Amino acid sequence: MALIDDVKRILQAGFPGAKLELKSIASGRVTGALIWDGFDALPQIDRQSRLRKAISALPVDKQLKVSLILTLTTDEKASLAAA
């Protein structure tokens, strides 16, 4: 299974109802955004901790290929899109 598929599966399980905007980049890494309203009122450090915990379900070699993943709410994503 491709890395991006593994990451999607894990994030969908850990963040029910989340919208995933992920892509594979040339280096074989996965990057993108995790948009989930469950992040509302959570500081970024807590969001990233939850993301990290979910990603830790992957084998270490795959964890190391997960690059930047933004953690946003739907409203935050909309604000970025409007800017």
N, C-alpha and C. Protein backbone atom coordinates (compact mmCIF):
# COMPACT_ATOMS: atom_id res chain seq x y z
N MET A 1 0.85 -1.18 0.00
CA MET A 1 0.00 0.00 0.00
C MET A 1 0.90 1.24 0.00
N ALA A 2 0.51 2.25 -0.75
CA ALA A 2 1.28 3.48 -0.84
C ALA A 2 1.22 4.24 0.48
N LEU A 3 2.27 4.98 0.77
CA LEU A 3 2.35 5.76 2.00
C LEU A 3 1.15 6.68 2.16
N ILE A 4 0.78 7.39 1.11
CA ILE A 4 -0.35 8.33 1.23
C ILE A 4 -1.64 7.60 1.61
N ASP A 5 -1.82 6.39 1.13
CA ASP A 5 -3.00 5.61 1.50
C ASP A 5 -2.96 5.22 2.97
N ASP A 6 -1.78 4.85 3.46
CA ASP A 6 -1.63 4.51 4.88
C ASP A 6 -1.94 5.72 5.76
N VAL A 7 -1.41 6.87 5.37
CA VAL A 7 -1.63 8.09 6.15
C VAL A 7 -3.11 8.46 6.15
N LYS A 8 -3.75 8.40 5.00
CA LYS A 8 -5.18 8.70 4.92
C LYS A 8 -5.99 7.77 5.81
N ARG A 9 -5.70 6.50 5.77
CA ARG A 9 -6.43 5.51 6.57
C ARG A 9 -6.29 5.81 8.06
N ILE A 10 -5.10 6.11 8.49
CA ILE A 10 -4.85 6.38 9.90
C ILE A 10 -5.53 7.68 10.34
N LEU A 11 -5.44 8.72 9.51
CA LEU A 11 -6.04 10.00 9.88
C LEU A 11 -7.56 9.94 9.85
N GLN A 12 -8.13 9.22 8.91
CA GLN A 12 -9.60 9.08 8.87
C GLN A 12 -10.10 8.33 10.10
N ALA A 13 -9.34 7.37 10.57
CA ALA A 13 -9.72 6.63 11.77
C ALA A 13 -9.58 7.49 13.03
N GLY A 14 -8.53 8.29 13.09
CA GLY A 14 -8.26 9.08 14.28
C GLY A 14 -9.03 10.38 14.37
N PHE A 15 -9.50 10.87 13.22
CA PHE A 15 -10.20 12.16 13.15
C PHE A 15 -11.47 11.99 12.30
N PRO A 16 -12.49 11.33 12.87
CA PRO A 16 -13.71 11.02 12.11
C PRO A 16 -14.34 12.29 11.53
N GLY A 17 -14.68 12.22 10.25
CA GLY A 17 -15.32 13.33 9.57
C GLY A 17 -14.36 14.39 9.05
N ALA A 18 -13.06 14.18 9.26
CA ALA A 18 -12.07 15.15 8.81
C ALA A 18 -11.98 15.18 7.28
N LYS A 19 -11.62 16.34 6.77
CA LYS A 19 -11.32 16.49 5.35
C LYS A 19 -9.79 16.43 5.23
N LEU A 20 -9.32 15.59 4.34
CA LEU A 20 -7.88 15.45 4.14
C LEU A 20 -7.49 16.03 2.80
N GLU A 21 -6.53 16.91 2.81
CA GLU A 21 -5.95 17.46 1.59
C GLU A 21 -4.48 17.09 1.60
N LEU A 22 -4.20 15.87 1.22
CA LEU A 22 -2.85 15.34 1.24
C LEU A 22 -2.34 15.11 -0.17
N LYS A 23 -1.02 15.18 -0.32
CA LYS A 23 -0.42 14.85 -1.60
C LYS A 23 0.95 14.25 -1.38
N SER A 24 1.34 13.43 -2.33
CA SER A 24 2.70 12.89 -2.35
C SER A 24 3.57 13.86 -3.12
N ILE A 25 4.75 14.13 -2.60
CA ILE A 25 5.67 15.02 -3.29
C ILE A 25 6.84 14.21 -3.84
N ALA A 26 7.62 14.83 -4.69
CA ALA A 26 8.66 14.14 -5.44
C ALA A 26 9.61 13.32 -4.58
N SER A 27 9.88 13.76 -3.38
CA SER A 27 10.82 13.05 -2.51
C SER A 27 10.23 11.78 -1.90
N GLY A 28 8.96 11.50 -2.21
CA GLY A 28 8.29 10.33 -1.65
C GLY A 28 7.62 10.62 -0.32
N ARG A 29 7.64 11.87 0.08
CA ARG A 29 7.01 12.27 1.33
C ARG A 29 5.54 12.62 1.11
N VAL A 30 4.81 12.68 2.22
CA VAL A 30 3.41 13.09 2.19
C VAL A 30 3.29 14.41 2.94
N THR A 31 2.54 15.34 2.38
CA THR A 31 2.33 16.65 2.98
C THR A 31 0.89 17.08 2.75
N GLY A 32 0.45 18.12 3.45
CA GLY A 32 -0.90 18.63 3.20
C GLY A 32 -1.56 19.21 4.43
N ALA A 33 -2.88 19.02 4.49
CA ALA A 33 -3.68 19.59 5.58
C ALA A 33 -4.70 18.59 6.07
N LEU A 34 -4.94 18.66 7.37
CA LEU A 34 -5.97 17.89 8.05
C LEU A 34 -6.97 18.91 8.56
N ILE A 35 -8.16 18.92 8.01
CA ILE A 35 -9.19 19.91 8.36
C ILE A 35 -10.27 19.19 9.15
N TRP A 36 -10.40 19.60 10.42
CA TRP A 36 -11.29 18.88 11.33
C TRP A 36 -11.83 19.85 12.37
N ASP A 37 -13.13 19.93 12.50
CA ASP A 37 -13.72 20.86 13.45
C ASP A 37 -13.52 20.44 14.91
N GLY A 38 -13.06 19.25 15.13
CA GLY A 38 -12.70 18.82 16.48
C GLY A 38 -11.50 19.58 17.03
N PHE A 39 -10.79 20.30 16.16
CA PHE A 39 -9.66 21.12 16.60
C PHE A 39 -10.10 22.46 17.18
N ASP A 40 -11.38 22.79 17.05
CA ASP A 40 -11.88 24.08 17.54
C ASP A 40 -11.50 24.26 19.00
N ALA A 41 -10.92 25.39 19.32
CA ALA A 41 -10.50 25.78 20.68
C ALA A 41 -9.25 25.04 21.17
N LEU A 42 -8.65 24.20 20.35
CA LEU A 42 -7.40 23.54 20.74
C LEU A 42 -6.22 24.34 20.21
N PRO A 43 -5.23 24.58 21.03
CA PRO A 43 -4.04 25.27 20.54
C PRO A 43 -3.26 24.37 19.57
N GLN A 44 -2.46 24.98 18.72
CA GLN A 44 -1.71 24.23 17.70
C GLN A 44 -0.86 23.12 18.32
N ILE A 45 -0.25 23.36 19.44
CA ILE A 45 0.61 22.34 20.04
C ILE A 45 -0.19 21.07 20.36
N ASP A 46 -1.42 21.24 20.83
CA ASP A 46 -2.27 20.08 21.13
C ASP A 46 -2.75 19.39 19.86
N ARG A 47 -3.04 20.18 18.84
CA ARG A 47 -3.44 19.61 17.55
C ARG A 47 -2.31 18.76 16.97
N GLN A 48 -1.10 19.31 17.01
CA GLN A 48 0.05 18.60 16.45
C GLN A 48 0.38 17.36 17.29
N SER A 49 0.16 17.44 18.59
CA SER A 49 0.38 16.26 19.44
C SER A 49 -0.58 15.14 19.08
N ARG A 50 -1.84 15.49 18.83
CA ARG A 50 -2.83 14.48 18.42
C ARG A 50 -2.48 13.89 17.07
N LEU A 51 -2.04 14.75 16.15
CA LEU A 51 -1.61 14.28 14.83
C LEU A 51 -0.43 13.34 14.97
N ARG A 52 0.55 13.75 15.75
CA ARG A 52 1.75 12.93 15.94
C ARG A 52 1.40 11.57 16.53
N LYS A 53 0.46 11.57 17.49
CA LYS A 53 0.05 10.30 18.11
C LYS A 53 -0.58 9.38 17.06
N ALA A 54 -1.41 9.94 16.19
CA ALA A 54 -2.03 9.14 15.14
C ALA A 54 -0.98 8.59 14.18
N ILE A 55 -0.05 9.45 13.76
CA ILE A 55 1.00 9.04 12.81
C ILE A 55 1.91 7.97 13.42
N SER A 56 2.02 7.95 14.73
CA SER A 56 2.90 6.97 15.38
C SER A 56 2.43 5.54 15.18
N ALA A 57 1.22 5.35 14.67
CA ALA A 57 0.74 4.00 14.36
C ALA A 57 1.44 3.41 13.14
N LEU A 58 2.09 4.27 12.35
CA LEU A 58 2.84 3.80 11.18
C LEU A 58 4.20 3.27 11.61
N PRO A 59 4.79 2.37 10.83
CA PRO A 59 6.16 1.97 11.10
C PRO A 59 7.09 3.20 11.03
N VAL A 60 8.16 3.17 11.78
CA VAL A 60 9.05 4.33 11.87
C VAL A 60 9.54 4.81 10.51
N ASP A 61 9.88 3.90 9.60
CA ASP A 61 10.38 4.34 8.29
C ASP A 61 9.33 5.15 7.54
N LYS A 62 8.05 4.83 7.74
CA LYS A 62 6.98 5.59 7.09
C LYS A 62 6.70 6.90 7.84
N GLN A 63 6.79 6.87 9.17
CA GLN A 63 6.61 8.09 9.96
C GLN A 63 7.59 9.17 9.50
N LEU A 64 8.80 8.77 9.22
CA LEU A 64 9.84 9.72 8.83
C LEU A 64 9.59 10.35 7.46
N LYS A 65 8.67 9.79 6.69
CA LYS A 65 8.34 10.33 5.37
C LYS A 65 7.09 11.21 5.39
N VAL A 66 6.51 11.39 6.58
CA VAL A 66 5.38 12.30 6.70
C VAL A 66 5.95 13.68 7.00
N SER A 67 5.74 14.59 6.08
CA SER A 67 6.28 15.93 6.20
C SER A 67 5.25 16.83 6.87
N LEU A 68 5.24 18.07 6.54
CA LEU A 68 4.34 19.06 7.14
C LEU A 68 2.87 18.72 6.87
N ILE A 69 2.09 18.63 7.93
CA ILE A 69 0.64 18.51 7.81
C ILE A 69 0.03 19.60 8.69
N LEU A 70 -0.65 20.54 8.05
CA LEU A 70 -1.33 21.60 8.78
C LEU A 70 -2.57 21.05 9.45
N THR A 71 -2.85 21.52 10.64
CA THR A 71 -4.06 21.12 11.38
C THR A 71 -4.95 22.34 11.50
N LEU A 72 -6.09 22.30 10.80
CA LEU A 72 -6.98 23.46 10.70
C LEU A 72 -8.42 23.06 10.97
N THR A 73 -9.23 24.05 11.41
CA THR A 73 -10.67 23.86 11.44
C THR A 73 -11.23 24.30 10.09
N THR A 74 -12.49 24.01 9.86
CA THR A 74 -13.12 24.42 8.61
C THR A 74 -13.09 25.94 8.46
N ASP A 75 -13.38 26.66 9.54
CA ASP A 75 -13.36 28.13 9.49
C ASP A 75 -11.96 28.67 9.20
N GLU A 76 -10.95 28.08 9.80
CA GLU A 76 -9.57 28.52 9.55
C GLU A 76 -9.18 28.29 8.10
N LYS A 77 -9.59 27.16 7.55
CA LYS A 77 -9.31 26.86 6.14
C LYS A 77 -9.99 27.87 5.24
N ALA A 78 -11.24 28.20 5.55
CA ALA A 78 -11.99 29.19 4.76
C ALA A 78 -11.32 30.55 4.83
N SER A 79 -10.82 30.93 6.00
CA SER A 79 -10.13 32.22 6.15
C SER A 79 -8.86 32.26 5.30
N LEU A 80 -8.14 31.18 5.27
CA LEU A 80 -6.92 31.11 4.45
C LEU A 80 -7.26 31.21 2.96
N ALA A 81 -8.32 30.55 2.56
CA ALA A 81 -8.72 30.56 1.17
C ALA A 81 -9.17 31.95 0.72
N ALA A 82 -9.77 32.71 1.65
CA ALA A 82 -10.27 34.05 1.33
C ALA A 82 -9.15 35.09 1.30
N ALA A 83 -8.03 34.78 1.92
CA ALA A 83 -6.93 35.76 2.01
C ALA A 83 -6.18 35.92 0.72
